[in-house]
All heavy atoms as atom14 arrays in JSON, in Angstrom:
{
  "sequence": "YAGGAGCPACKETGYRGRTGIHELLVVDDDVRALIMKNADAAA",
  "atom14_mask": [
    [1, 1, 1, 1, 1, 1, 1, 1, 1, 1, 1, 1, 0, 0],
    [1, 1, 1, 1, 1, 0, 0, 0, 0, 0, 0, 0, 0, 0],
    [1, 1, 1, 1, 0, 0, 0, 0, 0, 0, 0, 0, 0, 0],
    [1, 1, 1, 1, 0, 0, 0, 0, 0, 0, 0, 0, 0, 0],
    [1, 1, 1, 1, 1, 0, 0, 0, 0, 0, 0, 0, 0, 0],
    [1, 1, 1, 1, 0, 0, 0, 0, 0, 0, 0, 0, 0, 0],
    [1, 1, 1, 1, 1, 1, 0, 0, 0, 0, 0, 0, 0, 0],
    [1, 1, 1, 1, 1, 1, 1, 0, 0, 0, 0, 0, 0, 0],
    [1, 1, 1, 1, 1, 0, 0, 0, 0, 0, 0, 0, 0, 0],
    [1, 1, 1, 1, 1, 1, 0, 0, 0, 0, 0, 0, 0, 0],
    [1, 1, 1, 1, 1, 1, 1, 1, 1, 0, 0, 0, 0, 0],
    [1, 1, 1, 1, 1, 1, 1, 1, 1, 0, 0, 0, 0, 0],
    [1, 1, 1, 1, 1, 1, 1, 0, 0, 0, 0, 0, 0, 0],
    [1, 1, 1, 1, 0, 0, 0, 0, 0, 0, 0, 0, 0, 0],
    [1, 1, 1, 1, 1, 1, 1, 1, 1, 1, 1, 1, 0, 0],
    [1, 1, 1, 1, 1, 1, 1, 1, 1, 1, 1, 0, 0, 0],
    [1, 1, 1, 1, 0, 0, 0, 0, 0, 0, 0, 0, 0, 0],
    [1, 1, 1, 1, 1, 1, 1, 1, 1, 1, 1, 0, 0, 0],
    [1, 1, 1, 1, 1, 1, 1, 0, 0, 0, 0, 0, 0, 0],
    [1, 1, 1, 1, 0, 0, 0, 0, 0, 0, 0, 0, 0, 0],
    [1, 1, 1, 1, 1, 1, 1, 1, 0, 0, 0, 0, 0, 0],
    [1, 1, 1, 1, 1, 1, 1, 1, 1, 1, 0, 0, 0, 0],
    [1, 1, 1, 1, 1, 1, 1, 1, 1, 0, 0, 0, 0, 0],
    [1, 1, 1, 1, 1, 1, 1, 1, 0, 0, 0, 0, 0, 0],
    [1, 1, 1, 1, 1, 1, 1, 1, 0, 0, 0, 0, 0, 0],
    [1, 1, 1, 1, 1, 1, 1, 0, 0, 0, 0, 0, 0, 0],
    [1, 1, 1, 1, 1, 1, 1, 0, 0, 0, 0, 0, 0, 0],
    [1, 1, 1, 1, 1, 1, 1, 1, 0, 0, 0, 0, 0, 0],
    [1, 1, 1, 1, 1, 1, 1, 1, 0, 0, 0, 0, 0, 0],
    [1, 1, 1, 1, 1, 1, 1, 1, 0, 0, 0, 0, 0, 0],
    [1, 1, 1, 1, 1, 1, 1, 0, 0, 0, 0, 0, 0, 0],
    [1, 1, 1, 1, 1, 1, 1, 1, 1, 1, 1, 0, 0, 0],
    [1, 1, 1, 1, 1, 0, 0, 0, 0, 0, 0, 0, 0, 0],
    [1, 1, 1, 1, 1, 1, 1, 1, 0, 0, 0, 0, 0, 0],
    [1, 1, 1, 1, 1, 1, 1, 1, 0, 0, 0, 0, 0, 0],
    [1, 1, 1, 1, 1, 1, 1, 1, 0, 0, 0, 0, 0, 0],
    [1, 1, 1, 1, 1, 1, 1, 1, 1, 0, 0, 0, 0, 0],
    [1, 1, 1, 1, 1, 1, 1, 1, 0, 0, 0, 0, 0, 0],
    [1, 1, 1, 1, 1, 0, 0, 0, 0, 0, 0, 0, 0, 0],
    [1, 1, 1, 1, 1, 1, 1, 1, 0, 0, 0, 0, 0, 0],
    [1, 1, 1, 1, 1, 0, 0, 0, 0, 0, 0, 0, 0, 0],
    [1, 1, 1, 1, 1, 0, 0, 0, 0, 0, 0, 0, 0, 0],
    [1, 1, 1, 1, 1, 0, 0, 0, 0, 0, 0, 0, 0, 0]
  ],
  "atom14_positions": [
    [[11.46, -7.25, -6.45], [12.36, -8.38, -6.4], [11.52, -9.75, -6.66], [10.46, -9.9, -6.21], [13.21, -8.56, -5.2], [14.2, -7.33, -5.06], [13.84, -6.25, -4.18], [15.31, -7.27, -5.78], [14.62, -5.22, -4.0], [16.17, -6.25, -5.6], [15.79, -5.12, -4.73], [16.66, -3.94, -4.63], [0.0, 0.0, 0.0], [0.0, 0.0, 0.0]],
    [[12.22, -10.66, -7.39], [11.77, -12.07, -7.42], [12.55, -12.8, -6.35], [13.49, -12.28, -5.78], [11.96, -12.57, -8.81], [0.0, 0.0, 0.0], [0.0, 0.0, 0.0], [0.0, 0.0, 0.0], [0.0, 0.0, 0.0], [0.0, 0.0, 0.0], [0.0, 0.0, 0.0], [0.0, 0.0, 0.0], [0.0, 0.0, 0.0], [0.0, 0.0, 0.0]],
    [[12.21, -13.97, -6.01], [12.87, -14.89, -5.12], [14.33, -14.97, -5.45], [14.72, -14.99, -6.73], [0.0, 0.0, 0.0], [0.0, 0.0, 0.0], [0.0, 0.0, 0.0], [0.0, 0.0, 0.0], [0.0, 0.0, 0.0], [0.0, 0.0, 0.0], [0.0, 0.0, 0.0], [0.0, 0.0, 0.0], [0.0, 0.0, 0.0], [0.0, 0.0, 0.0]],
    [[15.15, -15.15, -4.39], [16.64, -15.22, -4.74], [16.99, -16.35, -5.52], [16.3, -17.34, -5.43], [0.0, 0.0, 0.0], [0.0, 0.0, 0.0], [0.0, 0.0, 0.0], [0.0, 0.0, 0.0], [0.0, 0.0, 0.0], [0.0, 0.0, 0.0], [0.0, 0.0, 0.0], [0.0, 0.0, 0.0], [0.0, 0.0, 0.0], [0.0, 0.0, 0.0]],
    [[18.22, -16.41, -6.18], [18.61, -17.58, -6.89], [19.11, -18.63, -6.0], [19.15, -19.85, -6.37], [19.84, -17.06, -7.7], [0.0, 0.0, 0.0], [0.0, 0.0, 0.0], [0.0, 0.0, 0.0], [0.0, 0.0, 0.0], [0.0, 0.0, 0.0], [0.0, 0.0, 0.0], [0.0, 0.0, 0.0], [0.0, 0.0, 0.0], [0.0, 0.0, 0.0]],
    [[19.37, -18.34, -4.65], [19.95, -19.27, -3.78], [21.36, -19.09, -3.4], [22.21, -18.97, -4.39], [0.0, 0.0, 0.0], [0.0, 0.0, 0.0], [0.0, 0.0, 0.0], [0.0, 0.0, 0.0], [0.0, 0.0, 0.0], [0.0, 0.0, 0.0], [0.0, 0.0, 0.0], [0.0, 0.0, 0.0], [0.0, 0.0, 0.0], [0.0, 0.0, 0.0]],
    [[21.75, -19.0, -2.28], [23.2, -18.76, -1.81], [23.38, -19.37, -0.51], [22.42, -19.71, 0.21], [23.51, -17.28, -1.92], [22.66, -16.35, -0.63], [0.0, 0.0, 0.0], [0.0, 0.0, 0.0], [0.0, 0.0, 0.0], [0.0, 0.0, 0.0], [0.0, 0.0, 0.0], [0.0, 0.0, 0.0], [0.0, 0.0, 0.0], [0.0, 0.0, 0.0]],
    [[24.68, -19.41, -0.01], [24.93, -19.95, 1.38], [24.17, -19.22, 2.41], [23.91, -19.75, 3.39], [26.38, -19.85, 1.45], [26.93, -19.88, 0.04], [25.93, -19.19, -0.75], [0.0, 0.0, 0.0], [0.0, 0.0, 0.0], [0.0, 0.0, 0.0], [0.0, 0.0, 0.0], [0.0, 0.0, 0.0], [0.0, 0.0, 0.0], [0.0, 0.0, 0.0]],
    [[24.04, -17.82, 2.27], [23.47, -17.07, 3.32], [21.95, -17.47, 3.63], [21.56, -17.38, 4.79], [23.51, -15.5, 2.91], [0.0, 0.0, 0.0], [0.0, 0.0, 0.0], [0.0, 0.0, 0.0], [0.0, 0.0, 0.0], [0.0, 0.0, 0.0], [0.0, 0.0, 0.0], [0.0, 0.0, 0.0], [0.0, 0.0, 0.0], [0.0, 0.0, 0.0]],
    [[21.33, -17.82, 2.56], [19.74, -18.23, 2.73], [19.68, -19.77, 2.59], [18.57, -20.09, 2.41], [19.0, -17.51, 1.68], [19.4, -17.87, -0.09], [0.0, 0.0, 0.0], [0.0, 0.0, 0.0], [0.0, 0.0, 0.0], [0.0, 0.0, 0.0], [0.0, 0.0, 0.0], [0.0, 0.0, 0.0], [0.0, 0.0, 0.0], [0.0, 0.0, 0.0]],
    [[20.84, -20.48, 2.66], [20.73, -21.94, 2.61], [19.99, -22.33, 1.24], [19.22, -23.27, 1.29], [20.09, -22.56, 3.78], [20.77, -22.18, 5.13], [20.27, -22.99, 6.21], [21.01, -22.74, 7.47], [20.41, -22.4, 8.64], [0.0, 0.0, 0.0], [0.0, 0.0, 0.0], [0.0, 0.0, 0.0], [0.0, 0.0, 0.0], [0.0, 0.0, 0.0]],
    [[20.31, -21.6, 0.2], [19.81, -21.94, -1.19], [18.27, -21.9, -1.31], [17.7, -22.45, -2.3], [20.23, -23.43, -1.61], [21.78, -23.55, -1.46], [22.69, -22.7, -2.33], [22.24, -22.19, -3.35], [23.7, -22.4, -1.9], [0.0, 0.0, 0.0], [0.0, 0.0, 0.0], [0.0, 0.0, 0.0], [0.0, 0.0, 0.0], [0.0, 0.0, 0.0]],
    [[17.61, -21.13, -0.43], [16.18, -20.97, -0.56], [15.66, -19.72, -1.28], [14.59, -19.66, -1.71], [15.46, -21.08, 0.93], [16.02, -19.85, 1.59], [15.87, -22.28, 1.68], [0.0, 0.0, 0.0], [0.0, 0.0, 0.0], [0.0, 0.0, 0.0], [0.0, 0.0, 0.0], [0.0, 0.0, 0.0], [0.0, 0.0, 0.0], [0.0, 0.0, 0.0]],
    [[16.61, -18.75, -1.3], [16.15, -17.47, -1.91], [15.44, -16.47, -1.06], [15.19, -15.35, -1.23], [0.0, 0.0, 0.0], [0.0, 0.0, 0.0], [0.0, 0.0, 0.0], [0.0, 0.0, 0.0], [0.0, 0.0, 0.0], [0.0, 0.0, 0.0], [0.0, 0.0, 0.0], [0.0, 0.0, 0.0], [0.0, 0.0, 0.0], [0.0, 0.0, 0.0]],
    [[15.08, -17.06, 0.26], [14.56, -16.14, 1.23], [15.25, -16.31, 2.58], [15.86, -17.4, 2.9], [13.16, -16.68, 1.51], [12.23, -16.45, 0.38], [12.04, -17.43, -0.66], [11.53, -15.21, 0.16], [11.23, -17.21, -1.69], [10.63, -14.92, -0.89], [10.47, -16.06, -1.84], [9.66, -15.78, -2.94], [0.0, 0.0, 0.0], [0.0, 0.0, 0.0]],
    [[15.35, -15.21, 3.33], [16.03, -15.2, 4.71], [15.29, -14.27, 5.65], [15.18, -13.18, 5.51], [17.36, -14.66, 4.45], [18.45, -14.84, 5.64], [19.67, -14.25, 5.44], [20.59, -14.49, 6.57], [21.66, -13.92, 6.75], [22.07, -12.9, 5.87], [22.48, -14.13, 7.81], [0.0, 0.0, 0.0], [0.0, 0.0, 0.0], [0.0, 0.0, 0.0]],
    [[14.82, -14.97, 6.73], [14.04, -14.21, 7.77], [12.58, -13.98, 7.33], [12.06, -14.43, 6.23], [0.0, 0.0, 0.0], [0.0, 0.0, 0.0], [0.0, 0.0, 0.0], [0.0, 0.0, 0.0], [0.0, 0.0, 0.0], [0.0, 0.0, 0.0], [0.0, 0.0, 0.0], [0.0, 0.0, 0.0], [0.0, 0.0, 0.0], [0.0, 0.0, 0.0]],
    [[11.85, -13.49, 8.23], [10.44, -13.27, 8.06], [9.98, -11.93, 8.53], [10.64, -11.25, 9.32], [9.64, -14.37, 8.79], [9.91, -15.74, 8.25], [8.87, -16.77, 8.8], [9.07, -17.94, 8.24], [8.09, -18.89, 8.04], [6.79, -18.66, 8.36], [8.45, -20.06, 7.56], [0.0, 0.0, 0.0], [0.0, 0.0, 0.0], [0.0, 0.0, 0.0]],
    [[8.9, -11.57, 7.98], [8.25, -10.23, 8.39], [6.68, -10.42, 8.46], [6.12, -11.34, 7.87], [8.59, -9.17, 7.48], [8.07, -7.79, 8.03], [7.96, -9.23, 6.08], [0.0, 0.0, 0.0], [0.0, 0.0, 0.0], [0.0, 0.0, 0.0], [0.0, 0.0, 0.0], [0.0, 0.0, 0.0], [0.0, 0.0, 0.0], [0.0, 0.0, 0.0]],
    [[6.05, -9.62, 9.26], [4.62, -9.71, 9.42], [3.84, -8.79, 8.39], [4.3, -7.67, 8.19], [0.0, 0.0, 0.0], [0.0, 0.0, 0.0], [0.0, 0.0, 0.0], [0.0, 0.0, 0.0], [0.0, 0.0, 0.0], [0.0, 0.0, 0.0], [0.0, 0.0, 0.0], [0.0, 0.0, 0.0], [0.0, 0.0, 0.0], [0.0, 0.0, 0.0]],
    [[2.64, -9.16, 8.15], [1.66, -8.36, 7.53], [0.48, -8.45, 8.36], [0.04, -9.47, 8.96], [1.31, -8.76, 6.01], [0.88, -10.08, 5.88], [2.5, -8.37, 5.13], [0.37, -10.55, 4.53], [0.0, 0.0, 0.0], [0.0, 0.0, 0.0], [0.0, 0.0, 0.0], [0.0, 0.0, 0.0], [0.0, 0.0, 0.0], [0.0, 0.0, 0.0]],
    [[-0.23, -7.2, 8.51], [-1.41, -7.09, 9.4], [-2.56, -6.49, 8.84], [-2.53, -5.77, 7.83], [-0.86, -6.37, 10.64], [0.4, -6.86, 11.3], [1.62, -6.51, 10.91], [0.56, -7.73, 12.2], [2.44, -7.07, 11.54], [1.94, -7.82, 12.4], [0.0, 0.0, 0.0], [0.0, 0.0, 0.0], [0.0, 0.0, 0.0], [0.0, 0.0, 0.0]],
    [[-3.7, -6.74, 9.42], [-4.99, -6.16, 9.05], [-5.8, -5.83, 10.3], [-6.06, -6.85, 10.96], [-5.71, -7.23, 8.2], [-7.24, -7.02, 7.79], [-7.74, -8.15, 6.97], [-7.46, -8.24, 5.76], [-8.63, -8.87, 7.41], [0.0, 0.0, 0.0], [0.0, 0.0, 0.0], [0.0, 0.0, 0.0], [0.0, 0.0, 0.0], [0.0, 0.0, 0.0]],
    [[-6.06, -4.57, 10.5], [-6.75, -4.18, 11.65], [-8.2, -3.68, 11.4], [-8.47, -2.74, 10.77], [-5.99, -3.1, 12.51], [-6.57, -2.46, 13.71], [-6.59, -3.63, 14.81], [-5.87, -1.41, 14.21], [0.0, 0.0, 0.0], [0.0, 0.0, 0.0], [0.0, 0.0, 0.0], [0.0, 0.0, 0.0], [0.0, 0.0, 0.0], [0.0, 0.0, 0.0]],
    [[-9.1, -4.48, 11.93], [-10.58, -4.2, 11.79], [-10.92, -3.48, 13.06], [-11.03, -4.04, 14.17], [-11.4, -5.34, 11.52], [-12.89, -5.25, 11.14], [-13.43, -6.42, 10.43], [-13.68, -5.05, 12.48], [0.0, 0.0, 0.0], [0.0, 0.0, 0.0], [0.0, 0.0, 0.0], [0.0, 0.0, 0.0], [0.0, 0.0, 0.0], [0.0, 0.0, 0.0]],
    [[-11.32, -2.16, 13.0], [-11.92, -1.44, 14.13], [-13.35, -1.49, 14.11], [-13.97, -1.21, 13.12], [-11.34, -0.01, 14.1], [-11.95, 0.79, 15.34], [-9.83, 0.03, 14.11], [0.0, 0.0, 0.0], [0.0, 0.0, 0.0], [0.0, 0.0, 0.0], [0.0, 0.0, 0.0], [0.0, 0.0, 0.0], [0.0, 0.0, 0.0], [0.0, 0.0, 0.0]],
    [[-14.01, -1.96, 15.26], [-15.44, -2.19, 15.15], [-16.1, -0.72, 15.47], [-16.22, -0.22, 16.57], [-15.9, -3.03, 16.27], [-17.45, -3.26, 16.29], [-15.26, -4.47, 16.0], [0.0, 0.0, 0.0], [0.0, 0.0, 0.0], [0.0, 0.0, 0.0], [0.0, 0.0, 0.0], [0.0, 0.0, 0.0], [0.0, 0.0, 0.0], [0.0, 0.0, 0.0]],
    [[-16.46, 0.0, 14.37], [-17.11, 1.22, 14.46], [-18.65, 0.99, 14.47], [-19.15, -0.07, 14.43], [-16.61, 2.17, 13.37], [-16.95, 1.65, 11.99], [-17.72, 0.61, 11.84], [-16.34, 2.17, 11.04], [0.0, 0.0, 0.0], [0.0, 0.0, 0.0], [0.0, 0.0, 0.0], [0.0, 0.0, 0.0], [0.0, 0.0, 0.0], [0.0, 0.0, 0.0]],
    [[-19.39, 2.14, 14.39], [-20.92, 2.05, 14.41], [-21.38, 1.27, 13.16], [-22.42, 0.56, 13.39], [-21.41, 3.46, 14.33], [-21.24, 4.17, 15.74], [-20.93, 3.43, 16.66], [-21.32, 5.38, 15.7], [0.0, 0.0, 0.0], [0.0, 0.0, 0.0], [0.0, 0.0, 0.0], [0.0, 0.0, 0.0], [0.0, 0.0, 0.0], [0.0, 0.0, 0.0]],
    [[-20.89, 1.43, 11.96], [-21.34, 0.72, 10.72], [-21.12, -0.78, 10.88], [-22.03, -1.59, 10.61], [-20.58, 1.2, 9.52], [-20.97, 2.72, 9.2], [-22.05, 3.1, 9.54], [-20.23, 3.33, 8.52], [0.0, 0.0, 0.0], [0.0, 0.0, 0.0], [0.0, 0.0, 0.0], [0.0, 0.0, 0.0], [0.0, 0.0, 0.0], [0.0, 0.0, 0.0]],
    [[-19.89, -1.1, 11.34], [-19.6, -2.6, 11.51], [-20.51, -3.12, 12.65], [-21.01, -4.32, 12.58], [-18.12, -2.75, 11.87], [-17.81, -4.26, 12.39], [-17.24, -2.41, 10.74], [0.0, 0.0, 0.0], [0.0, 0.0, 0.0], [0.0, 0.0, 0.0], [0.0, 0.0, 0.0], [0.0, 0.0, 0.0], [0.0, 0.0, 0.0], [0.0, 0.0, 0.0]],
    [[-20.7, -2.37, 13.74], [-21.5, -2.86, 14.91], [-22.94, -3.17, 14.39], [-23.59, -4.05, 14.76], [-21.48, -1.73, 15.98], [-21.86, -2.2, 17.29], [-21.44, -1.2, 18.43], [-20.09, -1.27, 18.79], [-19.23, -0.29, 18.65], [-19.59, 0.86, 18.07], [-18.0, -0.47, 18.86], [0.0, 0.0, 0.0], [0.0, 0.0, 0.0], [0.0, 0.0, 0.0]],
    [[-23.45, -2.26, 13.47], [-24.82, -2.4, 12.96], [-24.97, -3.69, 12.19], [-25.92, -4.44, 12.15], [-25.2, -1.23, 12.15], [0.0, 0.0, 0.0], [0.0, 0.0, 0.0], [0.0, 0.0, 0.0], [0.0, 0.0, 0.0], [0.0, 0.0, 0.0], [0.0, 0.0, 0.0], [0.0, 0.0, 0.0], [0.0, 0.0, 0.0], [0.0, 0.0, 0.0]],
    [[-23.91, -4.03, 11.35], [-23.85, -5.19, 10.59], [-23.79, -6.44, 11.41], [-24.47, -7.43, 11.11], [-22.66, -5.17, 9.56], [-22.75, -4.25, 8.43], [-21.48, -4.11, 7.7], [-23.86, -4.64, 7.49], [0.0, 0.0, 0.0], [0.0, 0.0, 0.0], [0.0, 0.0, 0.0], [0.0, 0.0, 0.0], [0.0, 0.0, 0.0], [0.0, 0.0, 0.0]],
    [[-22.94, -6.37, 12.53], [-22.95, -7.49, 13.38], [-24.36, -7.78, 14.08], [-24.79, -8.85, 14.18], [-21.87, -7.36, 14.58], [-20.49, -7.09, 14.01], [-22.02, -8.39, 15.61], [-19.41, -6.68, 14.95], [0.0, 0.0, 0.0], [0.0, 0.0, 0.0], [0.0, 0.0, 0.0], [0.0, 0.0, 0.0], [0.0, 0.0, 0.0], [0.0, 0.0, 0.0]],
    [[-24.95, -6.75, 14.44], [-26.28, -6.85, 15.03], [-27.33, -7.44, 14.07], [-28.22, -8.27, 14.42], [-26.83, -5.48, 15.44], [-26.22, -4.84, 16.62], [-26.59, -5.64, 18.14], [-28.28, -5.03, 18.44], [0.0, 0.0, 0.0], [0.0, 0.0, 0.0], [0.0, 0.0, 0.0], [0.0, 0.0, 0.0], [0.0, 0.0, 0.0], [0.0, 0.0, 0.0]],
    [[-27.17, -7.26, 12.68], [-27.98, -7.88, 11.72], [-27.54, -9.27, 11.31], [-28.17, -9.92, 10.52], [-28.03, -7.01, 10.45], [-28.71, -5.61, 10.63], [-28.49, -4.9, 9.31], [-28.96, -3.44, 9.43], [-28.61, -2.57, 8.32], [0.0, 0.0, 0.0], [0.0, 0.0, 0.0], [0.0, 0.0, 0.0], [0.0, 0.0, 0.0], [0.0, 0.0, 0.0]],
    [[-26.5, -9.79, 12.08], [-25.97, -11.14, 11.8], [-25.43, -11.09, 10.23], [-25.6, -12.19, 9.62], [-26.97, -12.18, 11.91], [-26.37, -13.52, 12.45], [-25.18, -13.61, 12.66], [-27.25, -14.46, 12.65], [0.0, 0.0, 0.0], [0.0, 0.0, 0.0], [0.0, 0.0, 0.0], [0.0, 0.0, 0.0], [0.0, 0.0, 0.0], [0.0, 0.0, 0.0]],
    [[-24.81, -10.1, 9.85], [-24.3, -10.05, 8.41], [-23.12, -11.01, 8.31], [-22.48, -11.37, 9.39], [-23.8, -8.61, 8.17], [0.0, 0.0, 0.0], [0.0, 0.0, 0.0], [0.0, 0.0, 0.0], [0.0, 0.0, 0.0], [0.0, 0.0, 0.0], [0.0, 0.0, 0.0], [0.0, 0.0, 0.0], [0.0, 0.0, 0.0], [0.0, 0.0, 0.0]],
    [[-22.71, -11.37, 7.11], [-21.6, -12.33, 6.88], [-20.33, -11.64, 6.88], [-20.31, -10.24, 6.91], [-21.79, -13.1, 5.56], [-21.91, -12.2, 4.34], [-21.51, -11.01, 4.42], [-22.34, -12.72, 3.29], [0.0, 0.0, 0.0], [0.0, 0.0, 0.0], [0.0, 0.0, 0.0], [0.0, 0.0, 0.0], [0.0, 0.0, 0.0], [0.0, 0.0, 0.0]],
    [[-19.24, -12.36, 6.88], [-17.88, -11.77, 6.99], [-17.66, -10.86, 5.83], [-16.9, -9.79, 5.97], [-16.85, -12.83, 7.05], [0.0, 0.0, 0.0], [0.0, 0.0, 0.0], [0.0, 0.0, 0.0], [0.0, 0.0, 0.0], [0.0, 0.0, 0.0], [0.0, 0.0, 0.0], [0.0, 0.0, 0.0], [0.0, 0.0, 0.0], [0.0, 0.0, 0.0]],
    [[-18.13, -11.04, 4.59], [-17.77, -10.33, 3.38], [-18.47, -8.94, 3.62], [-17.74, -7.98, 3.22], [-18.38, -11.04, 2.16], [0.0, 0.0, 0.0], [0.0, 0.0, 0.0], [0.0, 0.0, 0.0], [0.0, 0.0, 0.0], [0.0, 0.0, 0.0], [0.0, 0.0, 0.0], [0.0, 0.0, 0.0], [0.0, 0.0, 0.0], [0.0, 0.0, 0.0]],
    [[-19.64, -8.89, 4.09], [-20.29, -7.48, 4.36], [-19.49, -6.73, 5.41], [-19.34, -5.46, 5.2], [-21.62, -7.74, 4.66], [0.0, 0.0, 0.0], [0.0, 0.0, 0.0], [0.0, 0.0, 0.0], [0.0, 0.0, 0.0], [0.0, 0.0, 0.0], [0.0, 0.0, 0.0], [0.0, 0.0, 0.0], [0.0, 0.0, 0.0], [0.0, 0.0, 0.0]]
  ]
}
């Protein structure tokens, strides 16, 4: 879907309500080793 055309239900915004998106980083042995090396966020 594309954004709504706008209606009374969404107060002409095309969107109604919110939902969350999430990203869970588990610190395993590989990540732990990178932290110890002071690696950057990208690594």
